[in-house]
C-alpha atoms as a PDB file:
ATOM      1  CA  MET A   1      -1.241  -1.235  -7.146  1.00  0.00           C
ATOM      2  CA  ILE A   2       1.553  -1.350  -4.548  1.00  0.00           C
ATOM      3  CA  ARG A   3       4.273   1.171  -5.398  1.00  0.00           C
ATOM      4  CA  VAL A   4       7.700  -0.063  -4.305  1.00  0.00           C
ATOM      5  CA  VAL A   5      11.187   1.396  -3.979  1.00  0.00           C
ATOM      6  CA  VAL A   6      14.027  -1.139  -3.954  1.00  0.00           C
ATOM      7  CA  ALA A   7      17.112  -0.141  -1.944  1.00  0.00           C
ATOM      8  CA  ASP A   8      20.205  -2.337  -2.224  1.00  0.00           C
ATOM      9  CA  ASP A   9      23.815  -1.335  -2.815  1.00  0.00           C
ATOM     10  CA  GLN A  10      24.638  -4.400  -4.906  1.00  0.00           C
ATOM     11  CA  GLN A  11      23.687  -3.598  -8.470  1.00  0.00           C
ATOM     12  CA  VAL A  12      22.992  -7.188  -9.532  1.00  0.00           C
ATOM     13  CA  VAL A  13      20.703  -7.711  -6.520  1.00  0.00           C
ATOM     14  CA  ARG A  14      18.943  -4.381  -7.042  1.00  0.00           C
ATOM     15  CA  GLU A  15      18.374  -4.994 -10.744  1.00  0.00           C
ATOM     16  CA  GLY A  16      17.310  -8.590 -10.097  1.00  0.00           C
ATOM     17  CA  LEU A  17      14.756  -7.457  -7.525  1.00  0.00           C
ATOM     18  CA  VAL A  18      13.389  -4.822  -9.867  1.00  0.00           C
ATOM     19  CA  ALA A  19      12.994  -7.460 -12.593  1.00  0.00           C
ATOM     20  CA  LEU A  20      11.435  -9.965 -10.184  1.00  0.00           C
ATOM     21  CA  LEU A  21       8.990  -7.432  -8.754  1.00  0.00           C
ATOM     22  CA  GLY A  22       7.944  -6.570 -12.296  1.00  0.00           C
ATOM     23  CA  LEU A  23       6.572 -10.118 -12.574  1.00  0.00           C
ATOM     24  CA  ILE A  24       4.285  -9.775  -9.553  1.00  0.00           C
ATOM     25  CA  ASP A  25       0.715  -8.697 -10.274  1.00  0.00           C
ATOM     26  CA  GLY A  26      -0.276  -5.566  -8.427  1.00  0.00           C
ATOM     27  CA  VAL A  27       3.304  -4.391  -7.807  1.00  0.00           C
ATOM     28  CA  GLN A  28       4.954  -1.449  -9.541  1.00  0.00           C
ATOM     29  CA  VAL A  29       8.588  -0.495  -8.927  1.00  0.00           C
ATOM     30  CA  VAL A  30       8.737   3.300  -8.806  1.00  0.00           C
ATOM     31  CA  GLY A  31      12.428   3.625  -7.980  1.00  0.00           C
ATOM     32  CA  ALA A  32      15.684   1.886  -7.156  1.00  0.00           C
ATOM     33  CA  ALA A  33      18.310   3.193  -4.752  1.00  0.00           C
ATOM     34  CA  ALA A  34      21.956   2.219  -4.290  1.00  0.00           C
ATOM     35  CA  ASN A  35      22.164   3.639  -0.759  1.00  0.00           C
ATOM     36  CA  GLY A  36      20.029   4.944   2.068  1.00  0.00           C
ATOM     37  CA  VAL A  37      20.215   8.582   1.011  1.00  0.00           C
ATOM     38  CA  GLU A  38      18.843   7.704  -2.423  1.00  0.00           C
ATOM     39  CA  ALA A  39      16.047   5.684  -0.786  1.00  0.00           C
ATOM     40  CA  VAL A  40      15.087   8.591   1.469  1.00  0.00           C
ATOM     41  CA  ASP A  41      15.115  10.952  -1.521  1.00  0.00           C
ATOM     42  CA  LEU A  42      12.941   8.625  -3.623  1.00  0.00           C
ATOM     43  CA  VAL A  43      10.370   8.340  -0.832  1.00  0.00           C
ATOM     44  CA  ALA A  44      10.329  12.132  -0.426  1.00  0.00           C
ATOM     45  CA  GLN A  45       9.290  12.420  -4.091  1.00  0.00           C
ATOM     46  CA  GLY A  46       6.026  10.680  -3.171  1.00  0.00           C
ATOM     47  CA  ASN A  47       3.926   7.867  -4.610  1.00  0.00           C
ATOM     48  CA  VAL A  48       5.623   5.118  -2.566  1.00  0.00           C
ATOM     49  CA  ASP A  49       3.816   2.504  -0.481  1.00  0.00           C
ATOM     50  CA  VAL A  50       6.651   0.151   0.521  1.00  0.00           C
ATOM     51  CA  VAL A  51      10.449   0.319   0.565  1.00  0.00           C
ATOM     52  CA  LEU A  52      12.227  -3.016   0.229  1.00  0.00           C
ATOM     53  CA  MET A  53      15.346  -2.065   2.212  1.00  0.00           C
ATOM     54  CA  ASP A  54      18.752  -3.720   2.415  1.00  0.00           C
ATOM     55  CA  LEU A  55      20.441  -3.103   5.769  1.00  0.00           C
ATOM     56  CA  ARG A  56      24.096  -2.808   4.845  1.00  0.00           C
ATOM     57  CA  MET A  57      24.593   0.031   2.375  1.00  0.00           C
ATOM     58  CA  PRO A  58      27.086   2.866   2.005  1.00  0.00           C
ATOM     59  CA  VAL A  59      26.453   6.553   2.702  1.00  0.00           C
ATOM     60  CA  LEU A  60      23.427   5.848   4.934  1.00  0.00           C
ATOM     61  CA  ASP A  61      22.685   2.311   6.080  1.00  0.00           C
ATOM     62  CA  GLY A  62      19.266   0.693   5.922  1.00  0.00           C
ATOM     63  CA  THR A  63      18.477   1.157   9.611  1.00  0.00           C
ATOM     64  CA  GLN A  64      19.224   4.886   9.505  1.00  0.00           C
ATOM     65  CA  ALA A  65      17.287   5.274   6.261  1.00  0.00           C
ATOM     66  CA  THR A  66      14.362   3.371   7.799  1.00  0.00           C
ATOM     67  CA  ALA A  67      14.314   5.718  10.790  1.00  0.00           C
ATOM     68  CA  ARG A  68      14.245   8.773   8.528  1.00  0.00           C
ATOM     69  CA  ILE A  69      11.580   7.368   6.233  1.00  0.00           C
ATOM     70  CA  THR A  70       9.255   6.232   9.018  1.00  0.00           C
ATOM     71  CA  ALA A  71       9.661   9.531  10.890  1.00  0.00           C
ATOM     72  CA  ASP A  72       9.035  11.746   7.853  1.00  0.00           C
ATOM     73  CA  HIS A  73       6.600   9.492   5.955  1.00  0.00           C
ATOM     74  CA  PRO A  74       4.692   7.317   8.456  1.00  0.00           C
ATOM     75  CA  ASP A  75       2.357   6.133   5.687  1.00  0.00           C
ATOM     76  CA  VAL A  76       5.280   4.454   3.877  1.00  0.00           C
ATOM     77  CA  ALA A  77       6.095   0.927   5.057  1.00  0.00           C
ATOM     78  CA  VAL A  78       9.634  -0.395   5.189  1.00  0.00           C
ATOM     79  CA  LEU A  79      10.269  -4.095   4.682  1.00  0.00           C
ATOM     80  CA  VAL A  80      13.861  -5.110   5.410  1.00  0.00           C
ATOM     81  CA  LEU A  81      15.617  -7.483   3.058  1.00  0.00           C
ATOM     82  CA  THR A  82      18.577  -9.247   4.639  1.00  0.00           C
ATOM     83  CA  THR A  83      20.845 -12.182   4.018  1.00  0.00           C
ATOM     84  CA  TYR A  84      20.457 -13.855   7.409  1.00  0.00           C
ATOM     85  CA  ALA A  85      17.341 -14.214   9.571  1.00  0.00           C
ATOM     86  CA  ASP A  86      19.451 -14.066  12.727  1.00  0.00           C
ATOM     87  CA  ASP A  87      21.125 -10.792  11.732  1.00  0.00           C
ATOM     88  CA  ALA A  88      21.272  -8.689  14.916  1.00  0.00           C
ATOM     89  CA  SER A  89      20.685  -5.536  12.887  1.00  0.00           C
ATOM     90  CA  ILE A  90      17.119  -6.688  12.120  1.00  0.00           C
ATOM     91  CA  ALA A  91      16.100  -5.784  15.675  1.00  0.00           C
ATOM     92  CA  ASN A  92      17.577  -2.308  15.203  1.00  0.00           C
ATOM     93  CA  ALA A  93      15.682  -1.866  11.939  1.00  0.00           C
ATOM     94  CA  LEU A  94      12.430  -2.979  13.583  1.00  0.00           C
ATOM     95  CA  ARG A  95      13.020  -0.482  16.401  1.00  0.00           C
ATOM     96  CA  ALA A  96      13.630   2.166  13.722  1.00  0.00           C
ATOM     97  CA  GLY A  97      10.161   1.498  12.311  1.00  0.00           C
ATOM     98  CA  ALA A  98      10.501  -1.329   9.799  1.00  0.00           C
ATOM     99  CA  ARG A  99       7.323  -3.406   9.632  1.00  0.00           C
ATOM    100  CA  GLY A 100       9.133  -6.674   9.055  1.00  0.00           C
ATOM    101  CA  TYR A 101      11.831  -8.480   7.185  1.00  0.00           C
ATOM    102  CA  LEU A 102      12.501 -11.050   4.503  1.00  0.00           C
ATOM    103  CA  THR A 103      15.617 -13.031   3.852  1.00  0.00           C
ATOM    104  CA  LYS A 104      17.234 -12.806   0.444  1.00  0.00           C
ATOM    105  CA  ASP A 105      16.408 -16.439  -0.251  1.00  0.00           C
ATOM    106  CA  ALA A 106      12.677 -15.609  -0.390  1.00  0.00           C
ATOM    107  CA  GLY A 107      10.941 -16.435  -3.647  1.00  0.00           C
ATOM    108  CA  ARG A 108       8.627 -14.372  -5.819  1.00  0.00           C
ATOM    109  CA  ALA A 109       5.426 -15.621  -4.163  1.00  0.00           C
ATOM    110  CA  GLU A 110       6.741 -14.958  -0.661  1.00  0.00           C
ATOM    111  CA  ILE A 111       7.993 -11.482  -1.606  1.00  0.00           C
ATOM    112  CA  GLY A 112       4.646 -10.664  -3.211  1.00  0.00           C
ATOM    113  CA  ALA A 113       2.737 -11.832  -0.129  1.00  0.00           C
ATOM    114  CA  ALA A 114       5.059  -9.859   2.151  1.00  0.00           C
ATOM    115  CA  LEU A 115       4.625  -6.691   0.088  1.00  0.00           C
ATOM    116  CA  ARG A 116       0.843  -7.050   0.106  1.00  0.00           C
ATOM    117  CA  SER A 117       0.611  -7.677   3.851  1.00  0.00           C
ATOM    118  CA  THR A 118       3.130  -4.940   4.658  1.00  0.00           C
ATOM    119  CA  ALA A 119       1.334  -2.412   2.464  1.00  0.00           C
ATOM    120  CA  ALA A 120      -1.893  -3.358   4.256  1.00  0.00           C
ATOM    121  CA  GLY A 121      -0.306  -2.558   7.609  1.00  0.00           C
ATOM    122  CA  SER A 122       0.693  -5.987   8.872  1.00  0.00           C
ATOM    123  CA  ARG A 123       4.035  -6.855  10.400  1.00  0.00           C
ATOM    124  CA  ARG A 124       5.863  -9.535   8.459  1.00  0.00           C
ATOM    125  CA  SER A 125       8.873 -11.779   8.908  1.00  0.00           C
ATOM    126  CA  THR A 126      10.146 -14.962   7.419  1.00  0.00           C
ATOM    127  CA  PRO A 127      10.502 -17.881   9.773  1.00  0.00           C
ATOM    128  CA  ARG A 128      13.988 -18.962  10.725  1.00  0.00           C
ATOM    129  CA  SER A 129      15.242 -22.008   8.994  1.00  0.00           C
ATOM    130  CA  PRO A 130      16.169 -24.974  11.207  1.00  0.00           C
ATOM    131  CA  SER A 131      19.857 -24.300  10.525  1.00  0.00           C
ATOM    132  CA  ALA A 132      19.707 -20.613  11.514  1.00  0.00           C
END
């Protein structure tokens, strides 16, 4: 079972991801955070394998939260979730310790595969679309 924390400041996105992840075999959502501080706190409580992390959030952004999580909990993987594959902040998040990224247009199968490979230690990214 892959234990996941979802971190996204938009409530509809966060709740949608939680519902979607609940449909993926072998995935259990153990927490949902509306900002980076909440994500860091949820990871500190333990029992987390992967954080699905939005980059642009209030209080503490996703890159800063990623840096804290990967420094304090190196066994927890961070997978960035972003709107655009060419987002310059992806490089910052990867430097902060994220293992990869997905764009928010990824489907259930792609998210499930990314979570499995990220939890197993692989780096993961979605390919750029021809229009990106």
